[in-house]
Amino acid sequence: MLLVRELLGDAAEARFAGRRVERLAVGSGDASKRRLRGLTDSGTDVAVDLERGAYLRDGAVLDDDGERVVVVERTPEEAMIVRLSSSLGREELLTQAVRLGHAFGNQHVPVEVEADEIRVPITTSREIAEETARGLEIDAEVAFALVPLGRERPLTAPAHRH
């Protein structure tokens, strides 16, 4: 078993070039856990025991033995992909994005913005997520796809108080 107590860097760094890569698949929900255990795609048993606040971002190097590196790979997860209409003015675009974030934040569902997409993990069903978005009367294209969520930072639900 390989015990990981610190993150060594990012797989894209030159110092890791030319190494064989083993990937440890980690979902967005597990990426903030300081303790985790799993198998790499090559079967290496990995136990992660990090300091509080560490985040297993996509591409994080967990181990380097000089020949191979063990790297975190974000597992694709089902998400609703919302692309607001490019014809909207800046103010209306912001209004609709906030409306969408508020609706899912009230359900404690995190949202993520990636390029021109708002990504909402499916926590109930496609039908309920789409019904929620359509009920907001936003001018948007709505689709569903498997995407890697939380690649760089934890997903968080928009803050609100009850």
C-alpha atoms as a PDB file:
ATOM      1  CA  MET A   1       0.000   0.000   0.000  1.00  0.00           C
ATOM      2  CA  LEU A   2       1.213   3.480  -0.921  1.00  0.00           C
ATOM      3  CA  LEU A   3       0.661   6.065   1.839  1.00  0.00           C
ATOM      4  CA  VAL A   4       0.371   9.680   0.645  1.00  0.00           C
ATOM      5  CA  ARG A   5       0.800  12.452   3.222  1.00  0.00           C
ATOM      6  CA  GLU A   6       1.385  15.439   0.911  1.00  0.00           C
ATOM      7  CA  LEU A   7       0.729  16.665  -2.607  1.00  0.00           C
ATOM      8  CA  LEU A   8       3.942  16.891  -4.617  1.00  0.00           C
ATOM      9  CA  GLY A   9       2.853  19.251  -7.389  1.00  0.00           C
ATOM     10  CA  ASP A  10       1.069  19.131 -10.731  1.00  0.00           C
ATOM     11  CA  ALA A  11       1.512  16.478 -13.410  1.00  0.00           C
ATOM     12  CA  ALA A  12       2.094  19.194 -16.045  1.00  0.00           C
ATOM     13  CA  GLU A  13       5.299  20.366 -14.316  1.00  0.00           C
ATOM     14  CA  ALA A  14       8.495  19.693 -16.267  1.00  0.00           C
ATOM     15  CA  ARG A  15      10.040  17.750 -13.358  1.00  0.00           C
ATOM     16  CA  PHE A  16       7.461  14.963 -13.891  1.00  0.00           C
ATOM     17  CA  ALA A  17       7.899  14.724 -17.680  1.00  0.00           C
ATOM     18  CA  GLY A  18       8.652  11.309 -19.139  1.00  0.00           C
ATOM     19  CA  ARG A  19       7.339   9.388 -16.147  1.00  0.00           C
ATOM     20  CA  ARG A  20       4.809   6.584 -16.505  1.00  0.00           C
ATOM     21  CA  VAL A  21       1.488   7.826 -15.126  1.00  0.00           C
ATOM     22  CA  GLU A  22      -0.900   5.937 -12.870  1.00  0.00           C
ATOM     23  CA  ARG A  23      -4.248   7.617 -12.304  1.00  0.00           C
ATOM     24  CA  LEU A  24      -6.281   7.618  -9.108  1.00  0.00           C
ATOM     25  CA  ALA A  25      -9.904   8.412 -10.007  1.00  0.00           C
ATOM     26  CA  VAL A  26     -11.482  10.817  -7.515  1.00  0.00           C
ATOM     27  CA  GLY A  27     -15.019  12.229  -7.705  1.00  0.00           C
ATOM     28  CA  SER A  28     -15.753  15.834  -6.793  1.00  0.00           C
ATOM     29  CA  GLY A  29     -17.461  14.736  -3.570  1.00  0.00           C
ATOM     30  CA  ASP A  30     -14.327  12.933  -2.368  1.00  0.00           C
ATOM     31  CA  ALA A  31     -11.755  15.517  -3.459  1.00  0.00           C
ATOM     32  CA  SER A  32     -12.025  17.512  -0.216  1.00  0.00           C
ATOM     33  CA  LYS A  33     -11.668  14.505   2.039  1.00  0.00           C
ATOM     34  CA  ARG A  34      -8.378  14.467   3.873  1.00  0.00           C
ATOM     35  CA  ARG A  35      -8.474  10.678   4.136  1.00  0.00           C
ATOM     36  CA  LEU A  36      -9.254   8.481   1.172  1.00  0.00           C
ATOM     37  CA  ARG A  37      -8.345   5.046  -0.118  1.00  0.00           C
ATOM     38  CA  GLY A  38      -8.525   3.685  -3.641  1.00  0.00           C
ATOM     39  CA  LEU A  39      -6.839   1.796  -6.460  1.00  0.00           C
ATOM     40  CA  THR A  40      -5.063   3.415  -9.380  1.00  0.00           C
ATOM     41  CA  ASP A  41      -5.846   2.380 -12.950  1.00  0.00           C
ATOM     42  CA  SER A  42      -2.819   0.047 -12.669  1.00  0.00           C
ATOM     43  CA  GLY A  43      -4.002  -1.513  -9.414  1.00  0.00           C
ATOM     44  CA  THR A  44      -1.762   0.288  -6.909  1.00  0.00           C
ATOM     45  CA  ASP A  45      -3.471   0.525  -3.508  1.00  0.00           C
ATOM     46  CA  VAL A  46      -3.290   4.178  -2.395  1.00  0.00           C
ATOM     47  CA  ALA A  47      -4.150   5.554   1.048  1.00  0.00           C
ATOM     48  CA  VAL A  48      -4.334   9.346   1.241  1.00  0.00           C
ATOM     49  CA  ASP A  49      -3.882  11.075   4.622  1.00  0.00           C
ATOM     50  CA  LEU A  50      -3.489  14.823   4.032  1.00  0.00           C
ATOM     51  CA  GLU A  51      -3.572  17.900   6.239  1.00  0.00           C
ATOM     52  CA  ARG A  52      -6.908  19.642   6.724  1.00  0.00           C
ATOM     53  CA  GLY A  53      -7.837  21.930   3.863  1.00  0.00           C
ATOM     54  CA  ALA A  54      -5.966  19.951   1.202  1.00  0.00           C
ATOM     55  CA  TYR A  55      -7.805  19.441  -2.095  1.00  0.00           C
ATOM     56  CA  LEU A  56      -7.286  16.595  -4.527  1.00  0.00           C
ATOM     57  CA  ARG A  57      -7.488  18.682  -7.695  1.00  0.00           C
ATOM     58  CA  ASP A  58      -7.260  17.138 -11.141  1.00  0.00           C
ATOM     59  CA  GLY A  59      -3.585  16.565 -12.014  1.00  0.00           C
ATOM     60  CA  ALA A  60      -2.257  16.645  -8.442  1.00  0.00           C
ATOM     61  CA  VAL A  61       0.787  14.380  -8.061  1.00  0.00           C
ATOM     62  CA  LEU A  62       0.475  12.044  -5.089  1.00  0.00           C
ATOM     63  CA  ASP A  63       3.684  10.051  -5.514  1.00  0.00           C
ATOM     64  CA  ASP A  64       6.835  10.075  -7.642  1.00  0.00           C
ATOM     65  CA  ASP A  65       9.251   7.157  -7.475  1.00  0.00           C
ATOM     66  CA  GLY A  66      11.465   8.490 -10.274  1.00  0.00           C
ATOM     67  CA  GLU A  67       9.920   6.211 -12.908  1.00  0.00           C
ATOM     68  CA  ARG A  68       6.194   6.669 -12.392  1.00  0.00           C
ATOM     69  CA  VAL A  69       3.905   9.246 -10.861  1.00  0.00           C
ATOM     70  CA  VAL A  70       0.526   8.691  -9.254  1.00  0.00           C
ATOM     71  CA  VAL A  71      -1.823  11.464 -10.364  1.00  0.00           C
ATOM     72  CA  VAL A  72      -5.358  12.460  -9.351  1.00  0.00           C
ATOM     73  CA  GLU A  73      -7.835  12.250 -12.200  1.00  0.00           C
ATOM     74  CA  ARG A  74     -11.269  13.789 -11.766  1.00  0.00           C
ATOM     75  CA  THR A  75     -14.003  11.248 -12.457  1.00  0.00           C
ATOM     76  CA  PRO A  76     -16.643  12.433 -14.952  1.00  0.00           C
ATOM     77  CA  GLU A  77     -20.026  12.930 -13.283  1.00  0.00           C
ATOM     78  CA  GLU A  78     -23.468  13.558 -14.708  1.00  0.00           C
ATOM     79  CA  ALA A  79     -24.299  17.249 -14.819  1.00  0.00           C
ATOM     80  CA  MET A  80     -26.822  19.599 -16.339  1.00  0.00           C
ATOM     81  CA  ILE A  81     -24.984  21.994 -18.633  1.00  0.00           C
ATOM     82  CA  VAL A  82     -26.624  25.417 -18.989  1.00  0.00           C
ATOM     83  CA  ARG A  83     -25.455  27.867 -21.646  1.00  0.00           C
ATOM     84  CA  LEU A  84     -27.183  31.210 -21.313  1.00  0.00           C
ATOM     85  CA  SER A  85     -28.046  32.918 -24.595  1.00  0.00           C
ATOM     86  CA  SER A  86     -25.183  34.969 -26.015  1.00  0.00           C
ATOM     87  CA  SER A  87     -27.767  37.497 -27.232  1.00  0.00           C
ATOM     88  CA  LEU A  88     -28.531  38.592 -23.663  1.00  0.00           C
ATOM     89  CA  GLY A  89     -27.197  41.903 -22.440  1.00  0.00           C
ATOM     90  CA  ARG A  90     -24.678  41.875 -19.607  1.00  0.00           C
ATOM     91  CA  GLU A  91     -27.237  42.832 -16.939  1.00  0.00           C
ATOM     92  CA  GLU A  92     -29.782  40.211 -18.035  1.00  0.00           C
ATOM     93  CA  LEU A  93     -27.050  37.575 -18.355  1.00  0.00           C
ATOM     94  CA  LEU A  94     -25.987  38.257 -14.775  1.00  0.00           C
ATOM     95  CA  THR A  95     -29.614  38.286 -13.561  1.00  0.00           C
ATOM     96  CA  GLN A  96     -30.335  34.897 -15.136  1.00  0.00           C
ATOM     97  CA  ALA A  97     -27.094  33.353 -13.861  1.00  0.00           C
ATOM     98  CA  VAL A  98     -27.854  34.548 -10.312  1.00  0.00           C
ATOM     99  CA  ARG A  99     -31.425  33.244 -10.591  1.00  0.00           C
ATOM    100  CA  LEU A 100     -30.087  29.815 -11.581  1.00  0.00           C
ATOM    101  CA  GLY A 101     -27.479  29.804  -8.783  1.00  0.00           C
ATOM    102  CA  HIS A 102     -30.068  30.853  -6.218  1.00  0.00           C
ATOM    103  CA  ALA A 103     -32.537  28.139  -7.248  1.00  0.00           C
ATOM    104  CA  PHE A 104     -29.981  25.344  -6.959  1.00  0.00           C
ATOM    105  CA  GLY A 105     -28.307  26.880  -3.901  1.00  0.00           C
ATOM    106  CA  ASN A 106     -31.629  26.700  -2.064  1.00  0.00           C
ATOM    107  CA  GLN A 107     -31.546  22.953  -2.767  1.00  0.00           C
ATOM    108  CA  HIS A 108     -27.928  22.783  -1.496  1.00  0.00           C
ATOM    109  CA  VAL A 109     -26.762  21.776  -4.971  1.00  0.00           C
ATOM    110  CA  PRO A 110     -23.408  23.286  -5.933  1.00  0.00           C
ATOM    111  CA  VAL A 111     -22.879  24.987  -9.274  1.00  0.00           C
ATOM    112  CA  GLU A 112     -19.675  25.431 -11.239  1.00  0.00           C
ATOM    113  CA  VAL A 113     -18.865  27.897 -13.993  1.00  0.00           C
ATOM    114  CA  GLU A 114     -16.533  26.576 -16.674  1.00  0.00           C
ATOM    115  CA  ALA A 115     -15.914  28.849 -19.680  1.00  0.00           C
ATOM    116  CA  ASP A 116     -19.417  29.746 -20.938  1.00  0.00           C
ATOM    117  CA  GLU A 117     -21.177  26.899 -19.122  1.00  0.00           C
ATOM    118  CA  ILE A 118     -22.922  26.691 -15.794  1.00  0.00           C
ATOM    119  CA  ARG A 119     -22.592  23.087 -14.609  1.00  0.00           C
ATOM    120  CA  VAL A 120     -25.010  21.662 -12.068  1.00  0.00           C
ATOM    121  CA  PRO A 121     -24.331  18.142 -10.706  1.00  0.00           C
ATOM    122  CA  ILE A 122     -27.346  15.853 -10.912  1.00  0.00           C
ATOM    123  CA  THR A 123     -28.271  15.091  -7.304  1.00  0.00           C
ATOM    124  CA  THR A 124     -31.881  14.043  -7.903  1.00  0.00           C
ATOM    125  CA  SER A 125     -32.819  13.331 -11.521  1.00  0.00           C
ATOM    126  CA  ARG A 126     -32.371  14.924 -14.924  1.00  0.00           C
ATOM    127  CA  GLU A 127     -36.078  15.662 -15.053  1.00  0.00           C
ATOM    128  CA  ILE A 128     -36.145  17.542 -11.753  1.00  0.00           C
ATOM    129  CA  ALA A 129     -32.994  19.529 -12.577  1.00  0.00           C
ATOM    130  CA  GLU A 130     -34.318  20.512 -16.002  1.00  0.00           C
ATOM    131  CA  GLU A 131     -37.750  21.356 -14.588  1.00  0.00           C
ATOM    132  CA  THR A 132     -36.093  23.626 -12.023  1.00  0.00           C
ATOM    133  CA  ALA A 133     -34.055  25.423 -14.696  1.00  0.00           C
ATOM    134  CA  ARG A 134     -36.973  25.780 -17.123  1.00  0.00           C
ATOM    135  CA  GLY A 135     -39.219  27.067 -14.326  1.00  0.00           C
ATOM    136  CA  LEU A 136     -36.879  30.046 -13.958  1.00  0.00           C
ATOM    137  CA  GLU A 137     -37.772  31.168 -17.482  1.00  0.00           C
ATOM    138  CA  ILE A 138     -34.159  31.691 -18.447  1.00  0.00           C
ATOM    139  CA  ASP A 139     -33.040  32.078 -22.059  1.00  0.00           C
ATOM    140  CA  ALA A 140     -30.672  29.133 -22.215  1.00  0.00           C
ATOM    141  CA  GLU A 141     -29.676  25.904 -23.870  1.00  0.00           C
ATOM    142  CA  VAL A 142     -29.898  23.016 -21.396  1.00  0.00           C
ATOM    143  CA  ALA A 143     -28.109  19.716 -21.969  1.00  0.00           C
ATOM    144  CA  PHE A 144     -26.769  16.815 -19.929  1.00  0.00           C
ATOM    145  CA  ALA A 145     -23.292  15.305 -20.062  1.00  0.00           C
ATOM    146  CA  LEU A 146     -20.667  13.451 -18.100  1.00  0.00           C
ATOM    147  CA  VAL A 147     -18.069  16.057 -17.116  1.00  0.00           C
ATOM    148  CA  PRO A 148     -15.214  16.261 -14.618  1.00  0.00           C
ATOM    149  CA  LEU A 149     -16.483  18.569 -11.863  1.00  0.00           C
ATOM    150  CA  GLY A 150     -14.386  20.429  -9.301  1.00  0.00           C
ATOM    151  CA  ARG A 151     -11.179  20.054 -11.271  1.00  0.00           C
ATOM    152  CA  GLU A 152      -9.414  22.997  -9.611  1.00  0.00           C
ATOM    153  CA  ARG A 153     -11.402  23.748  -6.450  1.00  0.00           C
ATOM    154  CA  PRO A 154     -14.249  22.318  -4.400  1.00  0.00           C
ATOM    155  CA  LEU A 155     -17.799  22.722  -5.627  1.00  0.00           C
ATOM    156  CA  THR A 156     -19.849  24.861  -3.289  1.00  0.00           C
ATOM    157  CA  ALA A 157     -23.497  25.738  -3.152  1.00  0.00           C
ATOM    158  CA  PRO A 158     -24.171  29.457  -3.312  1.00  0.00           C
ATOM    159  CA  ALA A 159     -24.338  30.767   0.261  1.00  0.00           C
ATOM    160  CA  HIS A 160     -27.707  31.509   1.819  1.00  0.00           C
ATOM    161  CA  ARG A 161     -29.267  31.540   5.264  1.00  0.00           C
ATOM    162  CA  HIS A 162     -32.415  29.810   6.451  1.00  0.00           C
END
